[in-house]
Amino acid sequence: MSSRRKGRELALQMLFQLDLVRIGVDEAIRAFWKTQEELPSEDTRDFCEELVRGAFEHHEEIDRFVEETSSNWRLSRMPVVDRNVLRMAVYEMLYRDDIPTTVTINEAIDVGKKFGSEDSGAFINGILDKIAEKIPSLPQRHKNEKLI
């Protein structure tokens, strides 16, 4: 398993915890690492924590974007795993210009299939494909520019 795949899987677990427990992001990250028997590499931890902090920090923008794109689905009605895979992937699509959109979408589908329901992969794919069509290419905009 790649270092980034592992980072995404761990980030999903932290985002899941943040979504349900509503504690601070720093507290959630510290608590999560304490529960791990073996810590991943520093690169994996750094990537994971960036995804968690980024998705958390920009969750209002990301959530609006996902809801506007997903027909007939409010975020609150989405399964927790799917919702947080989408948040993490949209964060990557909007704020990580070093990761190709196709890689982000494929990784999100795979993580969703592993941790979600049998329908998660198709659901995540459908929404992320629509979002990818809406997002202007990152080099043409400033990374911190809000889209909506």
N, C-alpha and C. Protein backbone atom coordinates (compact mmCIF):
# COMPACT_ATOMS: atom_id res chain seq x y z
N MET A 1 0.86 -1.18 0.00
CA MET A 1 0.00 0.00 0.00
C MET A 1 0.90 1.23 0.00
N SER A 2 0.54 2.19 -0.83
CA SER A 2 1.34 3.40 -0.91
C SER A 2 1.21 4.23 0.36
N SER A 3 2.20 5.07 0.56
CA SER A 3 2.21 5.96 1.73
C SER A 3 1.00 6.90 1.71
N ARG A 4 0.67 7.41 0.53
CA ARG A 4 -0.47 8.33 0.44
C ARG A 4 -1.80 7.59 0.63
N ARG A 5 -1.91 6.39 0.12
CA ARG A 5 -3.15 5.62 0.34
C ARG A 5 -3.35 5.41 1.84
N LYS A 6 -2.29 5.01 2.52
CA LYS A 6 -2.37 4.81 3.96
C LYS A 6 -2.76 6.11 4.65
N GLY A 7 -2.17 7.22 4.21
CA GLY A 7 -2.50 8.52 4.78
C GLY A 7 -3.97 8.87 4.58
N ARG A 8 -4.51 8.57 3.40
CA ARG A 8 -5.92 8.84 3.14
C ARG A 8 -6.82 7.98 4.02
N GLU A 9 -6.47 6.72 4.18
CA GLU A 9 -7.27 5.83 5.03
C GLU A 9 -7.27 6.30 6.48
N LEU A 10 -6.12 6.71 6.97
CA LEU A 10 -6.03 7.21 8.33
C LEU A 10 -6.78 8.54 8.47
N ALA A 11 -6.65 9.40 7.45
CA ALA A 11 -7.36 10.68 7.48
C ALA A 11 -8.87 10.46 7.51
N LEU A 12 -9.35 9.50 6.75
CA LEU A 12 -10.78 9.19 6.77
C LEU A 12 -11.22 8.80 8.17
N GLN A 13 -10.43 8.00 8.85
CA GLN A 13 -10.79 7.59 10.21
C GLN A 13 -10.84 8.79 11.16
N MET A 14 -9.89 9.70 11.01
CA MET A 14 -9.90 10.90 11.86
C MET A 14 -11.09 11.80 11.53
N LEU A 15 -11.37 11.99 10.24
CA LEU A 15 -12.50 12.82 9.84
C LEU A 15 -13.82 12.22 10.31
N PHE A 16 -13.91 10.90 10.26
CA PHE A 16 -15.09 10.19 10.77
C PHE A 16 -15.28 10.52 12.24
N GLN A 17 -14.20 10.43 13.01
CA GLN A 17 -14.24 10.75 14.44
C GLN A 17 -14.66 12.21 14.65
N LEU A 18 -14.07 13.12 13.91
CA LEU A 18 -14.41 14.54 14.05
C LEU A 18 -15.87 14.81 13.70
N ASP A 19 -16.38 14.09 12.73
CA ASP A 19 -17.76 14.27 12.29
C ASP A 19 -18.74 13.83 13.37
N LEU A 20 -18.40 12.78 14.08
CA LEU A 20 -19.33 12.23 15.07
C LEU A 20 -19.16 12.80 16.47
N VAL A 21 -17.92 13.08 16.86
CA VAL A 21 -17.64 13.48 18.24
C VAL A 21 -17.59 14.99 18.41
N ARG A 22 -17.23 15.70 17.39
CA ARG A 22 -17.18 17.18 17.43
C ARG A 22 -16.21 17.69 18.49
N ILE A 23 -14.97 17.24 18.37
CA ILE A 23 -13.91 17.78 19.21
C ILE A 23 -12.99 18.60 18.32
N GLY A 24 -12.04 19.27 18.90
CA GLY A 24 -11.11 20.06 18.11
C GLY A 24 -10.21 19.18 17.26
N VAL A 25 -9.78 19.72 16.14
CA VAL A 25 -8.98 18.93 15.21
C VAL A 25 -7.64 18.51 15.82
N ASP A 26 -6.99 19.40 16.56
CA ASP A 26 -5.72 19.03 17.19
C ASP A 26 -5.91 17.93 18.22
N GLU A 27 -6.97 18.05 19.00
CA GLU A 27 -7.27 17.02 20.00
C GLU A 27 -7.57 15.68 19.33
N ALA A 28 -8.32 15.71 18.24
CA ALA A 28 -8.66 14.47 17.53
C ALA A 28 -7.41 13.80 16.96
N ILE A 29 -6.53 14.60 16.40
CA ILE A 29 -5.30 14.04 15.83
C ILE A 29 -4.44 13.42 16.92
N ARG A 30 -4.24 14.15 18.01
CA ARG A 30 -3.44 13.61 19.12
C ARG A 30 -4.04 12.32 19.66
N ALA A 31 -5.33 12.32 19.89
CA ALA A 31 -6.01 11.14 20.45
C ALA A 31 -5.90 9.96 19.48
N PHE A 32 -6.06 10.23 18.21
CA PHE A 32 -5.99 9.14 17.22
C PHE A 32 -4.62 8.49 17.22
N TRP A 33 -3.56 9.28 17.17
CA TRP A 33 -2.21 8.70 17.13
C TRP A 33 -1.92 7.90 18.39
N LYS A 34 -2.48 8.30 19.52
CA LYS A 34 -2.26 7.55 20.76
C LYS A 34 -2.88 6.16 20.70
N THR A 35 -3.90 5.97 19.88
CA THR A 35 -4.57 4.66 19.80
C THR A 35 -3.88 3.70 18.84
N GLN A 36 -2.93 4.19 18.08
CA GLN A 36 -2.27 3.35 17.07
C GLN A 36 -1.15 2.53 17.70
N GLU A 37 -1.17 1.24 17.44
CA GLU A 37 -0.11 0.38 17.96
C GLU A 37 1.23 0.70 17.32
N GLU A 38 1.18 0.97 16.02
CA GLU A 38 2.40 1.30 15.29
C GLU A 38 2.12 2.53 14.45
N LEU A 39 2.95 3.55 14.61
CA LEU A 39 2.76 4.78 13.84
C LEU A 39 3.29 4.61 12.42
N PRO A 40 2.59 5.19 11.46
CA PRO A 40 3.10 5.15 10.09
C PRO A 40 4.31 6.06 9.96
N SER A 41 4.90 6.07 8.79
CA SER A 41 6.06 6.93 8.55
C SER A 41 5.69 8.39 8.75
N GLU A 42 6.71 9.21 8.93
CA GLU A 42 6.48 10.64 9.13
C GLU A 42 5.80 11.25 7.91
N ASP A 43 6.20 10.83 6.70
CA ASP A 43 5.56 11.35 5.48
C ASP A 43 4.08 11.01 5.45
N THR A 44 3.74 9.80 5.83
CA THR A 44 2.34 9.38 5.85
C THR A 44 1.56 10.18 6.87
N ARG A 45 2.13 10.35 8.05
CA ARG A 45 1.46 11.14 9.11
C ARG A 45 1.27 12.58 8.65
N ASP A 46 2.30 13.17 8.05
CA ASP A 46 2.19 14.56 7.59
C ASP A 46 1.10 14.71 6.54
N PHE A 47 1.06 13.79 5.58
CA PHE A 47 0.04 13.84 4.52
C PHE A 47 -1.35 13.67 5.12
N CYS A 48 -1.48 12.71 6.01
CA CYS A 48 -2.75 12.45 6.69
C CYS A 48 -3.23 13.69 7.44
N GLU A 49 -2.36 14.26 8.24
CA GLU A 49 -2.74 15.42 9.05
C GLU A 49 -3.08 16.62 8.17
N GLU A 50 -2.39 16.78 7.04
CA GLU A 50 -2.73 17.89 6.15
C GLU A 50 -4.14 17.70 5.58
N LEU A 51 -4.47 16.47 5.19
CA LEU A 51 -5.81 16.21 4.67
C LEU A 51 -6.88 16.49 5.73
N VAL A 52 -6.62 16.05 6.95
CA VAL A 52 -7.59 16.25 8.03
C VAL A 52 -7.75 17.74 8.33
N ARG A 53 -6.63 18.42 8.53
CA ARG A 53 -6.71 19.85 8.84
C ARG A 53 -7.33 20.64 7.69
N GLY A 54 -6.96 20.32 6.47
CA GLY A 54 -7.49 21.03 5.32
C GLY A 54 -8.98 20.80 5.13
N ALA A 55 -9.39 19.54 5.19
CA ALA A 55 -10.82 19.23 5.03
C ALA A 55 -11.63 19.85 6.16
N PHE A 56 -11.07 19.84 7.36
CA PHE A 56 -11.76 20.42 8.52
C PHE A 56 -11.83 21.95 8.39
N GLU A 57 -10.70 22.57 8.06
CA GLU A 57 -10.64 24.03 7.97
C GLU A 57 -11.56 24.57 6.87
N HIS A 58 -11.67 23.85 5.79
CA HIS A 58 -12.45 24.32 4.63
C HIS A 58 -13.79 23.59 4.51
N HIS A 59 -14.25 22.96 5.60
CA HIS A 59 -15.44 22.10 5.49
C HIS A 59 -16.69 22.85 5.06
N GLU A 60 -16.84 24.10 5.45
CA GLU A 60 -18.06 24.82 5.05
C GLU A 60 -18.10 25.02 3.54
N GLU A 61 -16.99 25.45 2.97
CA GLU A 61 -16.91 25.62 1.52
C GLU A 61 -17.08 24.28 0.81
N ILE A 62 -16.38 23.27 1.29
CA ILE A 62 -16.44 21.94 0.68
C ILE A 62 -17.85 21.38 0.78
N ASP A 63 -18.47 21.49 1.94
CA ASP A 63 -19.83 20.96 2.12
C ASP A 63 -20.83 21.64 1.19
N ARG A 64 -20.73 22.96 1.06
CA ARG A 64 -21.63 23.67 0.13
C ARG A 64 -21.42 23.18 -1.29
N PHE A 65 -20.17 23.02 -1.66
CA PHE A 65 -19.84 22.57 -3.01
C PHE A 65 -20.40 21.17 -3.26
N VAL A 66 -20.24 20.26 -2.31
CA VAL A 66 -20.74 18.89 -2.46
C VAL A 66 -22.27 18.90 -2.53
N GLU A 67 -22.92 19.64 -1.65
CA GLU A 67 -24.39 19.66 -1.65
C GLU A 67 -24.94 20.26 -2.94
N GLU A 68 -24.31 21.30 -3.46
CA GLU A 68 -24.77 21.91 -4.69
C GLU A 68 -24.59 20.98 -5.89
N THR A 69 -23.62 20.07 -5.78
CA THR A 69 -23.32 19.17 -6.88
C THR A 69 -24.13 17.87 -6.80
N SER A 70 -24.44 17.42 -5.61
CA SER A 70 -25.12 16.14 -5.44
C SER A 70 -26.64 16.35 -5.47
N SER A 71 -27.24 15.87 -6.52
CA SER A 71 -28.68 16.02 -6.69
C SER A 71 -29.43 15.25 -5.62
N ASN A 72 -30.34 15.92 -4.96
CA ASN A 72 -31.24 15.29 -3.99
C ASN A 72 -30.55 14.68 -2.78
N TRP A 73 -29.33 15.09 -2.49
CA TRP A 73 -28.62 14.55 -1.33
C TRP A 73 -28.08 15.68 -0.48
N ARG A 74 -28.65 15.84 0.70
CA ARG A 74 -28.05 16.74 1.69
C ARG A 74 -26.92 15.98 2.36
N LEU A 75 -25.90 16.69 2.75
CA LEU A 75 -24.76 16.05 3.39
C LEU A 75 -25.18 15.26 4.63
N SER A 76 -26.13 15.79 5.38
CA SER A 76 -26.56 15.13 6.61
C SER A 76 -27.23 13.77 6.33
N ARG A 77 -27.69 13.55 5.11
CA ARG A 77 -28.32 12.28 4.76
C ARG A 77 -27.33 11.26 4.20
N MET A 78 -26.15 11.72 3.86
CA MET A 78 -25.13 10.81 3.30
C MET A 78 -24.53 9.95 4.39
N PRO A 79 -24.16 8.72 4.05
CA PRO A 79 -23.44 7.91 5.03
C PRO A 79 -22.17 8.64 5.49
N VAL A 80 -21.82 8.48 6.74
CA VAL A 80 -20.69 9.21 7.32
C VAL A 80 -19.39 8.94 6.56
N VAL A 81 -19.17 7.70 6.17
CA VAL A 81 -17.94 7.38 5.43
C VAL A 81 -17.93 8.12 4.10
N ASP A 82 -19.02 8.03 3.34
CA ASP A 82 -19.07 8.68 2.03
C ASP A 82 -18.89 10.18 2.15
N ARG A 83 -19.55 10.77 3.11
CA ARG A 83 -19.47 12.22 3.33
C ARG A 83 -18.02 12.64 3.58
N ASN A 84 -17.31 11.89 4.39
CA ASN A 84 -15.94 12.28 4.72
C ASN A 84 -14.94 11.92 3.65
N VAL A 85 -15.18 10.88 2.88
CA VAL A 85 -14.34 10.61 1.70
C VAL A 85 -14.50 11.77 0.72
N LEU A 86 -15.73 12.22 0.52
CA LEU A 86 -15.97 13.35 -0.38
C LEU A 86 -15.28 14.61 0.12
N ARG A 87 -15.36 14.88 1.39
CA ARG A 87 -14.71 16.07 1.95
C ARG A 87 -13.20 16.03 1.70
N MET A 88 -12.62 14.89 1.98
CA MET A 88 -11.18 14.73 1.81
C MET A 88 -10.79 14.88 0.34
N ALA A 89 -11.54 14.26 -0.55
CA ALA A 89 -11.24 14.32 -1.99
C ALA A 89 -11.42 15.72 -2.54
N VAL A 90 -12.49 16.39 -2.15
CA VAL A 90 -12.72 17.75 -2.65
C VAL A 90 -11.63 18.68 -2.12
N TYR A 91 -11.20 18.48 -0.89
CA TYR A 91 -10.07 19.27 -0.39
C TYR A 91 -8.86 19.08 -1.31
N GLU A 92 -8.55 17.83 -1.63
CA GLU A 92 -7.41 17.56 -2.51
C GLU A 92 -7.60 18.25 -3.87
N MET A 93 -8.80 18.16 -4.42
CA MET A 93 -9.07 18.73 -5.74
C MET A 93 -8.94 20.25 -5.74
N LEU A 94 -9.33 20.87 -4.65
CA LEU A 94 -9.30 22.33 -4.58
C LEU A 94 -7.96 22.90 -4.14
N TYR A 95 -7.27 22.20 -3.25
CA TYR A 95 -6.11 22.80 -2.59
C TYR A 95 -4.80 22.08 -2.78
N ARG A 96 -4.79 20.94 -3.45
CA ARG A 96 -3.53 20.23 -3.67
C ARG A 96 -3.25 20.16 -5.16
N ASP A 97 -2.50 21.11 -5.66
CA ASP A 97 -2.24 21.14 -7.09
C ASP A 97 -1.17 20.13 -7.51
N ASP A 98 -0.59 19.42 -6.56
CA ASP A 98 0.40 18.40 -6.88
C ASP A 98 -0.21 17.02 -7.09
N ILE A 99 -1.53 16.90 -6.90
CA ILE A 99 -2.19 15.61 -7.05
C ILE A 99 -3.19 15.72 -8.20
N PRO A 100 -2.99 14.93 -9.27
CA PRO A 100 -3.93 14.99 -10.39
C PRO A 100 -5.35 14.60 -9.94
N THR A 101 -6.32 15.28 -10.50
CA THR A 101 -7.73 15.03 -10.14
C THR A 101 -8.10 13.57 -10.34
N THR A 102 -7.62 12.96 -11.41
CA THR A 102 -7.96 11.55 -11.66
C THR A 102 -7.43 10.65 -10.55
N VAL A 103 -6.25 10.97 -10.04
CA VAL A 103 -5.69 10.18 -8.93
C VAL A 103 -6.55 10.36 -7.69
N THR A 104 -6.93 11.59 -7.39
CA THR A 104 -7.77 11.87 -6.23
C THR A 104 -9.09 11.10 -6.33
N ILE A 105 -9.72 11.13 -7.49
CA ILE A 105 -11.01 10.44 -7.66
C ILE A 105 -10.84 8.94 -7.50
N ASN A 106 -9.82 8.37 -8.14
CA ASN A 106 -9.60 6.92 -8.03
C ASN A 106 -9.31 6.50 -6.59
N GLU A 107 -8.50 7.28 -5.90
CA GLU A 107 -8.18 6.97 -4.51
C GLU A 107 -9.44 7.07 -3.64
N ALA A 108 -10.25 8.09 -3.86
CA ALA A 108 -11.47 8.26 -3.08
C ALA A 108 -12.43 7.09 -3.31
N ILE A 109 -12.55 6.64 -4.54
CA ILE A 109 -13.42 5.50 -4.85
C ILE A 109 -12.93 4.26 -4.11
N ASP A 110 -11.62 4.01 -4.18
CA ASP A 110 -11.07 2.82 -3.52
C ASP A 110 -11.22 2.88 -2.01
N VAL A 111 -10.95 4.03 -1.41
CA VAL A 111 -11.10 4.17 0.04
C VAL A 111 -12.58 4.02 0.43
N GLY A 112 -13.46 4.62 -0.37
CA GLY A 112 -14.89 4.49 -0.12
C GLY A 112 -15.37 3.05 -0.19
N LYS A 113 -14.87 2.31 -1.17
CA LYS A 113 -15.24 0.88 -1.29
C LYS A 113 -14.75 0.08 -0.08
N LYS A 114 -13.55 0.41 0.39
CA LYS A 114 -12.97 -0.34 1.50
C LYS A 114 -13.70 -0.08 2.81
N PHE A 115 -14.09 1.17 3.07
CA PHE A 115 -14.65 1.52 4.37
C PHE A 115 -16.17 1.75 4.34
N GLY A 116 -16.74 1.91 3.17
CA GLY A 116 -18.17 2.23 3.07
C GLY A 116 -19.00 1.02 2.69
N SER A 117 -20.14 1.30 2.09
CA SER A 117 -21.06 0.24 1.67
C SER A 117 -20.71 -0.21 0.25
N GLU A 118 -21.44 -1.19 -0.25
CA GLU A 118 -21.18 -1.66 -1.61
C GLU A 118 -21.51 -0.60 -2.65
N ASP A 119 -22.33 0.37 -2.29
CA ASP A 119 -22.70 1.44 -3.21
C ASP A 119 -21.78 2.67 -3.11
N SER A 120 -20.89 2.69 -2.14
CA SER A 120 -20.07 3.88 -1.89
C SER A 120 -19.21 4.28 -3.09
N GLY A 121 -18.57 3.32 -3.72
CA GLY A 121 -17.68 3.63 -4.83
C GLY A 121 -18.40 4.36 -5.96
N ALA A 122 -19.54 3.85 -6.36
CA ALA A 122 -20.30 4.47 -7.46
C ALA A 122 -20.84 5.84 -7.04
N PHE A 123 -21.31 5.94 -5.81
CA PHE A 123 -21.84 7.21 -5.30
C PHE A 123 -20.75 8.28 -5.29
N ILE A 124 -19.61 7.95 -4.73
CA ILE A 124 -18.48 8.88 -4.64
C ILE A 124 -18.00 9.26 -6.04
N ASN A 125 -17.89 8.27 -6.92
CA ASN A 125 -17.44 8.53 -8.28
C ASN A 125 -18.37 9.51 -9.00
N GLY A 126 -19.67 9.30 -8.88
CA GLY A 126 -20.63 10.17 -9.54
C GLY A 126 -20.52 11.62 -9.09
N ILE A 127 -20.41 11.82 -7.80
CA ILE A 127 -20.33 13.18 -7.28
C ILE A 127 -18.99 13.83 -7.62
N LEU A 128 -17.91 13.09 -7.46
CA LEU A 128 -16.59 13.68 -7.75
C LEU A 128 -16.41 13.98 -9.24
N ASP A 129 -16.96 13.16 -10.12
CA ASP A 129 -16.89 13.45 -11.55
C ASP A 129 -17.58 14.77 -11.86
N LYS A 130 -18.75 15.00 -11.26
CA LYS A 130 -19.47 16.25 -11.48
C LYS A 130 -18.69 17.44 -10.91
N ILE A 131 -18.09 17.25 -9.75
CA ILE A 131 -17.31 18.32 -9.12
C ILE A 131 -16.08 18.64 -9.98
N ALA A 132 -15.43 17.61 -10.51
CA ALA A 132 -14.24 17.82 -11.33
C ALA A 132 -14.56 18.68 -12.55
N GLU A 133 -15.75 18.53 -13.10
CA GLU A 133 -16.15 19.33 -14.25
C GLU A 133 -16.35 20.80 -13.87
N LYS A 134 -16.71 21.06 -12.62
CA LYS A 134 -16.98 22.43 -12.17
C LYS A 134 -15.74 23.19 -11.74
N ILE A 135 -14.71 22.49 -11.31
CA ILE A 135 -13.54 23.14 -10.74
C ILE A 135 -12.63 23.64 -11.86
N PRO A 136 -12.35 24.92 -11.86
CA PRO A 136 -11.36 25.42 -12.84
C PRO A 136 -9.99 24.83 -12.51
N SER A 137 -9.15 24.72 -13.49
CA SER A 137 -7.84 24.14 -13.22
C SER A 137 -7.10 24.99 -12.20
N LEU A 138 -6.43 24.34 -11.31
CA LEU A 138 -5.77 25.04 -10.20
C LEU A 138 -4.72 26.06 -10.63
N PRO A 139 -3.92 25.80 -11.67
CA PRO A 139 -2.93 26.82 -12.03
C PRO A 139 -3.57 28.14 -12.48
N GLN A 140 -4.84 28.12 -12.89
CA GLN A 140 -5.50 29.33 -13.35
C GLN A 140 -6.16 30.11 -12.22
N ARG A 141 -6.08 29.65 -11.00
CA ARG A 141 -6.66 30.38 -9.90
C ARG A 141 -5.73 30.28 -8.70
N HIS A 142 -5.92 31.16 -7.75
CA HIS A 142 -5.13 31.12 -6.53
C HIS A 142 -5.65 29.99 -5.65
N LYS A 143 -4.76 29.29 -5.00
CA LYS A 143 -5.15 28.14 -4.18
C LYS A 143 -6.16 28.50 -3.11
N ASN A 144 -6.11 29.67 -2.56
CA ASN A 144 -7.01 30.04 -1.47
C ASN A 144 -8.25 30.77 -1.93
N GLU A 145 -8.42 30.92 -3.23
CA GLU A 145 -9.60 31.61 -3.77
C GLU A 145 -10.82 30.71 -3.58
N LYS A 146 -11.87 31.26 -3.03
CA LYS A 146 -13.09 30.49 -2.82
C LYS A 146 -13.83 30.37 -4.14
N LEU A 147 -14.41 29.20 -4.37
CA LEU A 147 -15.15 28.96 -5.59
C LEU A 147 -16.60 29.35 -5.48
N ILE A 148 -17.13 29.28 -4.26
CA ILE A 148 -18.55 29.59 -4.08
C ILE A 148 -18.72 30.51 -2.89
